Amino acid sequence: MSAPEIQTGTTPEEKSASQTSIWRNRPFLILFLTSAFVTCGAKVYELALPLILYDMTRSPLTMTTMKSIEFLPNLLLAMFIGVWVDRFSKKRWSQWMVFGQMVLLFLLYALVESGRAEILHFYLAGFLLMALNYGYSNARVSIIKQVVPKPLLTTANARFSFLFTLIDIMGPAISGFILLLASLHNGLLITGTAYLVALIAVSFLEREKEPLMTAAKGTFWQDFRAGWQELLSNRPLWMITILVIFLNATSGVYDAMLIFFAKDHLQLNNSQLGLVLSVAGAGGLIGSTLVARLRKRFPTGRILGATILLLGVAYLLMALAQNVWMLCLSLFLSGMIGTIENICIWTFRQETTPTHLIGRISGITGSIFKLGMVFSIYGSGWVTVWQGPWAAFLAAAVGNLLIFLVYRRLSLWRLA
C-alpha cells in the first residue's frame, strides 16, 4: 500500500504568509488572549476539585470518578457541538460559551457561600463547565482554521500549546495557594472573574462573513452526516482517530493516578505537588518549541511513532518510581513527548479538513478520541485498590508498547 500523503503545493500567497509572524495576525492575538483567561480559570477548578475530594474521602475511586465525569461531555456531546459550531457565528458561539461558564461559576460560588453546596453540585458543575469549555475550544479551532494561513497552522497550534502548558505549570501552584490560604468559594469567584475578562476580550473578534457562517444549508442531521462522510473519506485522519482512542486510554490511566501516587505513596503536600506537576509543564514548553522544527525535518508518521514509544517509556518510569526524582523524570518526558504528539495530530486535522467542516470534524474526532478514557480512568482506580498504582502505570506502559507494534505495521508509519 502506498503511503498516504498531503499534497502541499505552496502558492505565492502561502509562501509569503509563512514568512509573516503569527503575532501580526489580529484574530489570533484576540483568541490567544481570550484563551489565556479561559484556560487559567479552568485550570483552577480542574485541579482543585480532585484535591478537595481526596482530602474529603482519601479514596482513589472518588478521584477517578470525578475525572471520568469531566470527560463525559467530550464523549457524549462533542460531535453534536461541532455541528452547531459550523452552523452559527463562531464569535457569538464563543461569547455564549464563555458567558455560560462565568454564570455557572458565580452560581456555584453563591451555593457554597450560602452553605447549600453538596458534592453532587460539584459533579454537575464539572460536567457543565467541561461541556461549555469544549464548546469554546471547538470554536477556537474553527476560527484558527479560517484566519491563519496554512503554512502557519503548526506555529499557531504550537503557540497555543505553549500557552496551555505554561498555565499547566502555574495551575497547581495557584490551586495549592487557594486551598491553603483561602476558601474554595473565593477561588470560584476569582475564576468567574477571569471568565468575565475573557468575555470582554472575545467581543473584539470580527464576525465571520456570511458565506462562512452559512456554509451548511441542510438540516442538523444532514450536516452531521456530512461531517462523518468527510472523516471516513479522509483515511489517514480516520486511522489516526482510531489510534488516539487507545493512546488516550493509556494516558488517562497515567494522568488519573498521578495525584494519588504523589500524595498517598510519596506523601507530598499540596505545595510540593504543585511544584512536581510543573515539571510536566516544563517538558511541554520544550515540546511546543521543538515541534515545528521536527515537522520540517521528519515525516509526521515517524514522529507519531516515536512519541507512542517514548510515552510508554515515561509510563514505565512511573511504575518503577520510588522517589520524587524518578517521578519528575517521568513527568518531564510525558509532558514533552505528549505535547509534540498532540500538536502533530491537531495540525494534521486542520490541514486536511475543509474550512466549512472543521467544527464537525473537530467535534466528531474529539468525541471518538475520548471513547476509551472514561473506562480506563475508572478502571485504573480499581486496579490501584487491588494491586497499587504501580500496576496501573505498568498497564499503561505495556499498552503503549502494544500500540506501537501495531502502528509500525500501518500505512500511517509512512505518512508524509
Protein backbone atom coordinates (compact mmCIF):
# COMPACT_ATOMS: atom_id res chain seq x y z
CA MET A 1 0.00 0.00 0.00
CA SER A 2 1.38 3.40 -0.94
CA ALA A 3 1.97 5.92 1.77
CA PRO A 4 -0.80 8.47 2.29
CA GLU A 5 0.46 12.00 1.79
CA ILE A 6 -0.83 15.53 1.96
CA GLN A 7 -0.38 17.35 -1.28
CA THR A 8 1.04 20.70 -0.29
CA GLY A 9 1.76 22.69 -3.38
CA THR A 10 2.76 26.05 -1.94
CA THR A 11 1.16 29.09 -3.56
CA PRO A 12 2.90 32.50 -3.61
CA GLU A 13 0.38 33.73 -1.03
CA GLU A 14 1.14 30.80 1.29
CA LYS A 15 4.89 31.29 0.86
CA SER A 16 4.52 34.96 1.80
CA ALA A 17 2.30 34.05 4.77
CA SER A 18 4.84 31.52 6.05
CA GLN A 19 7.36 34.35 6.37
CA THR A 20 4.98 36.55 8.39
CA SER A 21 4.98 36.50 12.17
CA ILE A 22 1.90 34.84 13.67
CA TRP A 23 1.77 37.67 16.22
CA ARG A 24 0.77 40.11 13.47
CA ASN A 25 -2.49 38.23 12.99
CA ARG A 26 -5.12 40.23 14.97
CA PRO A 27 -7.75 37.45 15.32
CA PHE A 28 -5.03 35.09 16.52
CA LEU A 29 -3.93 37.61 19.16
CA ILE A 30 -7.51 38.07 20.40
CA LEU A 31 -8.05 34.31 20.62
CA PHE A 32 -4.71 33.88 22.33
CA LEU A 33 -5.60 36.46 25.00
CA THR A 34 -9.11 35.05 25.49
CA SER A 35 -7.81 31.50 25.76
CA ALA A 36 -5.27 32.60 28.37
CA PHE A 37 -8.03 33.72 30.74
CA VAL A 38 -10.35 30.81 29.92
CA THR A 39 -7.63 28.19 30.40
CA CYS A 40 -6.24 29.77 33.54
CA GLY A 41 -9.69 29.86 35.10
CA ALA A 42 -10.47 26.29 34.07
CA LYS A 43 -7.17 25.02 35.45
CA VAL A 44 -8.00 26.27 38.94
CA TYR A 45 -11.20 24.27 39.37
CA GLU A 46 -9.91 21.36 37.27
CA LEU A 47 -7.05 20.76 39.71
CA ALA A 48 -8.80 21.90 42.88
CA LEU A 49 -11.82 19.59 42.72
CA PRO A 50 -9.89 16.27 42.74
CA LEU A 51 -7.70 17.53 45.61
CA ILE A 52 -10.76 18.52 47.64
CA LEU A 53 -12.37 15.14 47.03
CA TYR A 54 -9.16 13.39 48.06
CA ASP A 55 -8.96 15.39 51.28
CA MET A 56 -12.60 14.53 51.99
CA THR A 57 -12.52 10.80 51.23
CA ARG A 58 -8.86 9.65 50.88
CA SER A 59 -10.21 7.40 48.12
CA PRO A 60 -8.69 6.92 44.64
CA LEU A 61 -12.12 5.77 43.41
CA THR A 62 -13.68 9.13 44.25
CA MET A 63 -10.92 10.96 42.41
CA THR A 64 -11.20 8.78 39.32
CA THR A 65 -14.98 9.17 39.35
CA MET A 66 -14.53 12.94 39.22
CA LYS A 67 -12.06 12.62 36.37
CA SER A 68 -14.46 10.35 34.49
CA ILE A 69 -17.30 12.85 34.86
CA GLU A 70 -15.09 15.59 33.44
CA PHE A 71 -14.54 13.55 30.26
CA LEU A 72 -18.21 12.68 29.72
CA PRO A 73 -19.18 15.95 27.94
CA ASN A 74 -16.44 15.40 25.38
CA LEU A 75 -17.50 11.81 24.90
CA LEU A 76 -21.26 12.40 24.71
CA LEU A 77 -21.66 15.89 23.26
CA ALA A 78 -18.56 16.82 21.25
CA MET A 79 -19.74 15.53 17.87
CA PHE A 80 -23.05 17.39 18.18
CA ILE A 81 -21.37 20.58 19.37
CA GLY A 82 -19.25 20.53 16.22
CA VAL A 83 -22.37 20.70 14.02
CA TRP A 84 -23.69 23.71 15.93
CA VAL A 85 -20.32 25.46 15.68
CA ASP A 86 -20.36 25.06 11.89
CA ARG A 87 -23.95 26.35 11.63
CA PHE A 88 -23.62 29.55 13.70
CA SER A 89 -21.41 32.59 14.06
CA LYS A 90 -18.28 31.40 15.82
CA LYS A 91 -17.86 34.73 17.55
CA ARG A 92 -21.38 34.59 19.02
CA TRP A 93 -20.93 30.95 19.93
CA SER A 94 -17.65 31.72 21.72
CA GLN A 95 -19.30 34.53 23.66
CA TRP A 96 -22.14 32.28 24.85
CA MET A 97 -19.74 29.51 25.88
CA VAL A 98 -17.61 31.88 27.96
CA PHE A 99 -20.68 33.61 29.41
CA GLY A 100 -22.21 30.27 30.42
CA GLN A 101 -19.09 29.23 32.32
CA MET A 102 -18.92 32.58 34.08
CA VAL A 103 -22.56 32.38 35.23
CA LEU A 104 -22.16 28.77 36.35
CA LEU A 105 -19.11 29.61 38.47
CA PHE A 106 -20.85 32.55 40.13
CA LEU A 107 -23.89 30.35 40.87
CA LEU A 108 -21.67 27.67 42.40
CA TYR A 109 -19.96 30.35 44.45
CA ALA A 110 -23.34 31.51 45.74
CA LEU A 111 -24.27 27.93 46.73
CA VAL A 112 -21.06 27.47 48.67
CA GLU A 113 -21.36 30.90 50.27
CA SER A 114 -24.89 30.09 51.47
CA GLY A 115 -23.83 26.67 52.80
CA ARG A 116 -26.10 24.73 50.43
CA ALA A 117 -23.48 23.16 48.17
CA GLU A 118 -23.04 19.37 48.13
CA ILE A 119 -20.59 17.07 46.34
CA LEU A 120 -23.26 16.33 43.74
CA HIS A 121 -23.33 20.04 42.87
CA PHE A 122 -19.62 19.94 42.11
CA TYR A 123 -20.03 16.85 39.93
CA LEU A 124 -22.82 18.54 37.98
CA ALA A 125 -20.86 21.79 37.72
CA GLY A 126 -17.80 19.90 36.49
CA PHE A 127 -19.84 18.26 33.74
CA LEU A 128 -21.41 21.53 32.56
CA LEU A 129 -18.20 23.52 32.79
CA MET A 130 -16.35 20.95 30.69
CA ALA A 131 -19.17 20.90 28.12
CA LEU A 132 -19.11 24.68 27.76
CA ASN A 133 -15.32 24.75 27.75
CA TYR A 134 -15.26 22.23 24.92
CA GLY A 135 -17.80 24.33 23.03
CA TYR A 136 -15.43 27.29 23.23
CA SER A 137 -12.39 25.17 22.28
CA ASN A 138 -14.12 23.80 19.18
CA ALA A 139 -14.98 27.32 18.03
CA ARG A 140 -11.39 28.43 18.66
CA VAL A 141 -10.03 25.61 16.48
CA SER A 142 -12.52 26.54 13.74
CA ILE A 143 -11.61 30.23 13.83
CA ILE A 144 -7.89 29.42 13.71
CA LYS A 145 -8.51 27.34 10.58
CA GLN A 146 -10.23 30.36 8.98
CA VAL A 147 -7.88 33.19 9.94
CA VAL A 148 -4.42 31.58 10.00
CA PRO A 149 -2.67 30.72 6.70
CA LYS A 150 -1.96 27.01 6.24
CA PRO A 151 1.87 27.36 6.50
CA LEU A 152 1.43 28.92 9.94
CA LEU A 153 -1.00 26.37 11.39
CA THR A 154 1.72 24.33 13.09
CA THR A 155 3.20 27.51 14.57
CA ALA A 156 -0.23 28.72 15.73
CA ASN A 157 -1.00 25.39 17.41
CA ALA A 158 2.45 25.36 18.99
CA ARG A 159 1.86 28.83 20.44
CA PHE A 160 -1.45 27.75 21.93
CA SER A 161 0.17 24.61 23.29
CA PHE A 162 2.91 26.76 24.84
CA LEU A 163 0.21 28.88 26.48
CA PHE A 164 -1.73 25.89 27.79
CA THR A 165 1.44 24.29 29.10
CA LEU A 166 2.58 27.48 30.81
CA ILE A 167 -0.79 27.63 32.56
CA ASP A 168 -0.39 23.96 33.47
CA ILE A 169 2.80 24.96 35.28
CA MET A 170 1.09 27.80 37.14
CA GLY A 171 -2.18 25.93 37.72
CA PRO A 172 -1.08 23.57 40.50
CA ALA A 173 0.64 26.40 42.35
CA ILE A 174 -2.47 28.60 42.03
CA SER A 175 -4.73 25.78 43.18
CA GLY A 176 -2.46 24.97 46.09
CA PHE A 177 -2.42 28.63 47.11
CA ILE A 178 -6.22 28.80 47.04
CA LEU A 179 -6.58 25.62 49.08
CA LEU A 180 -4.00 26.68 51.64
CA LEU A 181 -4.72 30.40 52.05
CA ALA A 182 -8.37 30.87 51.03
CA SER A 183 -11.65 29.02 50.88
CA LEU A 184 -12.83 27.25 47.75
CA HIS A 185 -15.71 29.64 47.09
CA ASN A 186 -13.25 32.55 46.87
CA GLY A 187 -11.36 30.55 44.25
CA LEU A 188 -14.60 30.15 42.30
CA LEU A 189 -15.16 33.90 42.47
CA ILE A 190 -11.66 34.56 41.13
CA THR A 191 -12.22 32.05 38.34
CA GLY A 192 -15.56 33.61 37.40
CA THR A 193 -13.87 36.99 37.17
CA ALA A 194 -11.27 35.53 34.79
CA TYR A 195 -14.13 34.42 32.53
CA LEU A 196 -15.60 37.91 32.66
CA VAL A 197 -12.33 39.31 31.32
CA ALA A 198 -12.31 36.59 28.62
CA LEU A 199 -15.85 37.56 27.62
CA ILE A 200 -14.75 41.14 27.11
CA ALA A 201 -11.70 40.04 25.09
CA VAL A 202 -13.64 37.74 22.73
CA SER A 203 -16.06 40.56 21.90
CA PHE A 204 -13.25 42.22 19.89
CA LEU A 205 -13.29 39.42 17.32
CA GLU A 206 -14.76 40.32 13.96
CA ARG A 207 -17.87 38.43 12.96
CA GLU A 208 -17.42 35.96 10.10
CA LYS A 209 -18.54 36.72 6.59
CA GLU A 210 -21.95 35.32 5.70
CA PRO A 211 -20.70 32.53 3.38
CA LEU A 212 -18.60 31.08 6.19
CA MET A 213 -21.47 31.27 8.66
CA THR A 214 -23.99 29.58 6.41
CA ALA A 215 -21.81 27.08 4.59
CA ALA A 216 -24.04 24.29 5.88
CA LYS A 217 -27.52 24.63 4.31
CA GLY A 218 -29.04 21.28 5.24
CA THR A 219 -30.80 20.13 8.37
CA PHE A 220 -28.89 19.42 11.55
CA TRP A 221 -28.71 15.69 10.81
CA GLN A 222 -27.71 16.25 7.18
CA ASP A 223 -24.83 18.40 8.37
CA PHE A 224 -23.97 15.79 10.97
CA ARG A 225 -23.87 13.08 8.29
CA ALA A 226 -21.73 15.28 6.03
CA GLY A 227 -19.14 15.53 8.79
CA TRP A 228 -18.99 11.76 9.16
CA GLN A 229 -18.71 11.29 5.40
CA GLU A 230 -15.77 13.71 5.26
CA LEU A 231 -14.00 11.97 8.13
CA LEU A 232 -14.46 8.48 6.69
CA SER A 233 -13.23 9.63 3.26
CA ASN A 234 -10.04 11.01 4.84
CA ARG A 235 -8.44 7.63 5.54
CA PRO A 236 -5.25 8.86 7.27
CA LEU A 237 -7.24 11.07 9.65
CA TRP A 238 -9.72 8.27 10.34
CA MET A 239 -6.88 5.86 11.16
CA ILE A 240 -5.27 8.45 13.46
CA THR A 241 -8.63 8.95 15.16
CA ILE A 242 -8.92 5.24 15.95
CA LEU A 243 -5.30 5.19 17.12
CA VAL A 244 -5.87 8.07 19.53
CA ILE A 245 -8.69 6.16 21.26
CA PHE A 246 -6.10 3.71 22.61
CA LEU A 247 -3.41 6.35 23.21
CA ASN A 248 -5.81 8.44 25.29
CA ALA A 249 -6.86 5.34 27.22
CA THR A 250 -3.29 4.70 28.38
CA SER A 251 -2.58 8.38 29.07
CA GLY A 252 -5.84 8.60 31.02
CA VAL A 253 -4.68 5.82 33.36
CA TYR A 254 -1.36 7.64 33.85
CA ASP A 255 -2.90 11.06 34.49
CA ALA A 256 -5.63 9.78 36.81
CA MET A 257 -3.18 8.07 39.17
CA LEU A 258 -0.56 10.82 39.33
CA ILE A 259 -2.08 12.82 42.17
CA PHE A 260 -2.99 9.75 44.22
CA PHE A 261 0.50 8.25 43.78
CA ALA A 262 2.24 11.51 44.68
CA LYS A 263 0.13 12.21 47.76
CA ASP A 264 -0.51 8.71 49.10
CA HIS A 265 2.79 6.93 48.34
CA LEU A 266 5.32 9.77 48.21
CA GLN A 267 3.49 11.79 50.88
CA LEU A 268 3.73 15.11 49.03
CA ASN A 269 1.70 18.03 50.32
CA ASN A 270 -0.27 20.38 48.03
CA SER A 271 2.58 22.86 47.58
CA GLN A 272 5.10 20.11 46.79
CA LEU A 273 2.63 18.51 44.41
CA GLY A 274 2.24 21.80 42.56
CA LEU A 275 5.99 22.06 42.08
CA VAL A 276 6.30 18.46 40.91
CA LEU A 277 3.47 18.78 38.39
CA SER A 278 5.13 21.89 36.99
CA VAL A 279 7.94 19.63 35.74
CA ALA A 280 5.50 18.14 33.21
CA GLY A 281 4.69 21.68 32.17
CA ALA A 282 8.36 22.45 31.65
CA GLY A 283 8.60 19.44 29.36
CA GLY A 284 5.52 20.63 27.50
CA LEU A 285 7.06 24.05 26.95
CA ILE A 286 10.14 22.47 25.40
CA GLY A 287 7.98 20.19 23.25
CA SER A 288 5.94 23.11 21.93
CA THR A 289 9.11 24.92 20.83
CA LEU A 290 10.52 21.84 19.09
CA VAL A 291 7.51 20.56 17.16
CA ALA A 292 7.62 23.00 14.22
CA ARG A 293 11.26 22.14 13.53
CA LEU A 294 10.61 18.43 13.92
CA ARG A 295 7.78 18.52 11.37
CA LYS A 296 10.07 20.22 8.87
CA ARG A 297 12.80 17.60 9.30
CA PHE A 298 10.89 14.34 9.78
CA PRO A 299 7.73 12.77 8.32
CA THR A 300 4.64 13.07 10.51
CA GLY A 301 4.24 9.28 10.62
CA ARG A 302 7.71 8.76 12.07
CA ILE A 303 7.18 11.49 14.67
CA LEU A 304 3.92 9.94 15.84
CA GLY A 305 5.52 6.50 16.07
CA ALA A 306 8.41 7.83 18.14
CA THR A 307 6.05 9.63 20.53
CA ILE A 308 3.99 6.48 21.11
CA LEU A 309 7.08 4.50 22.09
CA LEU A 310 8.65 7.24 24.22
CA LEU A 311 5.42 7.84 26.13
CA GLY A 312 5.45 4.15 27.00
CA VAL A 313 8.94 4.66 28.44
CA ALA A 314 7.67 7.58 30.54
CA TYR A 315 4.84 5.42 31.91
CA LEU A 316 7.28 2.63 32.74
CA LEU A 317 9.49 5.05 34.67
CA MET A 318 6.49 5.97 36.81
CA ALA A 319 5.79 2.28 37.51
CA LEU A 320 9.37 1.95 38.76
CA ALA A 321 9.45 5.26 40.65
CA GLN A 322 10.44 5.03 44.30
CA ASN A 323 11.28 8.69 44.86
CA VAL A 324 10.33 12.16 43.69
CA TRP A 325 13.24 12.37 41.22
CA MET A 326 12.05 9.42 39.17
CA LEU A 327 8.56 10.90 39.31
CA CYS A 328 9.87 14.19 37.92
CA LEU A 329 11.76 12.46 35.09
CA SER A 330 8.63 10.59 34.05
CA LEU A 331 6.54 13.77 34.18
CA PHE A 332 9.08 15.73 32.14
CA LEU A 333 9.19 13.11 29.39
CA SER A 334 5.42 12.67 29.27
CA GLY A 335 4.91 16.43 29.13
CA MET A 336 7.40 16.98 26.30
CA ILE A 337 6.53 13.94 24.17
CA GLY A 338 2.79 14.24 24.73
CA THR A 339 2.83 17.87 23.60
CA ILE A 340 4.67 17.02 20.38
CA GLU A 341 2.21 14.22 19.67
CA ASN A 342 -0.87 16.37 20.30
CA ILE A 343 0.29 19.28 18.17
CA CYS A 344 1.06 16.98 15.24
CA ILE A 345 -2.41 15.44 15.44
CA TRP A 346 -4.22 18.79 15.82
CA THR A 347 -2.33 20.33 12.91
CA PHE A 348 -2.83 17.34 10.63
CA ARG A 349 -6.58 17.50 11.32
CA GLN A 350 -6.70 21.22 10.44
CA GLU A 351 -4.54 20.84 7.34
CA THR A 352 -6.65 18.06 5.82
CA THR A 353 -10.15 19.33 6.70
CA PRO A 354 -12.20 21.80 4.58
CA THR A 355 -12.86 25.06 6.40
CA HIS A 356 -16.66 24.76 6.44
CA LEU A 357 -16.40 21.29 8.04
CA ILE A 358 -13.72 21.92 10.65
CA GLY A 359 -16.19 22.26 13.54
CA ARG A 360 -17.84 18.95 12.75
CA ILE A 361 -14.55 17.10 12.17
CA SER A 362 -13.09 18.52 15.39
CA GLY A 363 -16.23 17.56 17.29
CA ILE A 364 -16.54 14.05 15.90
CA THR A 365 -12.86 13.21 16.30
CA GLY A 366 -12.78 14.86 19.73
CA SER A 367 -15.65 12.67 20.88
CA ILE A 368 -14.12 9.50 19.43
CA PHE A 369 -10.73 10.36 20.98
CA LYS A 370 -12.26 10.02 24.45
CA LEU A 371 -14.11 6.71 23.91
CA GLY A 372 -11.67 4.67 25.95
CA MET A 373 -10.73 7.26 28.57
CA VAL A 374 -13.76 7.11 30.86
CA PHE A 375 -13.48 3.34 31.23
CA SER A 376 -9.70 3.23 31.53
CA ILE A 377 -9.63 6.02 34.13
CA TYR A 378 -12.37 4.45 36.20
CA GLY A 379 -10.77 1.01 35.83
CA SER A 380 -7.41 2.39 36.97
CA GLY A 381 -8.99 3.18 40.33
CA TRP A 382 -9.95 -0.47 40.82
CA VAL A 383 -6.52 -1.67 39.68
CA THR A 384 -4.91 0.69 42.20
CA VAL A 385 -7.12 -0.58 45.01
CA TRP A 386 -6.30 -4.18 44.02
CA GLN A 387 -2.55 -4.02 43.32
CA GLY A 388 -1.39 -0.45 43.83
CA PRO A 389 -0.70 2.47 41.44
CA TRP A 390 2.44 0.82 40.05
CA ALA A 391 0.22 -1.77 38.35
CA ALA A 392 -1.82 0.95 36.64
CA PHE A 393 1.34 2.66 35.36
CA LEU A 394 2.74 -0.66 34.15
CA ALA A 395 -0.50 -1.41 32.30
CA ALA A 396 -0.26 1.98 30.57
CA ALA A 397 3.37 1.29 29.54
CA VAL A 398 2.56 -2.17 28.16
CA GLY A 399 -0.46 -0.69 26.37
CA ASN A 400 1.70 1.87 24.56
CA LEU A 401 4.21 -0.79 23.55
CA LEU A 402 1.44 -2.89 22.01
CA ILE A 403 0.02 0.18 20.24
CA PHE A 404 3.45 0.94 18.76
CA LEU A 405 3.87 -2.63 17.48
CA VAL A 406 0.53 -2.37 15.68
CA TYR A 407 1.23 1.18 14.46
CA ARG A 408 4.55 0.08 12.95
CA ARG A 409 2.63 -2.17 10.54
CA LEU A 410 0.12 0.50 9.47
CA SER A 411 0.40 2.81 6.48
CA LEU A 412 0.41 5.72 8.95
CA TRP A 413 4.07 4.91 9.63
CA ARG A 414 4.82 6.22 6.11
CA LEU A 415 2.68 9.34 6.45
CA ALA A 416 4.49 12.35 4.99
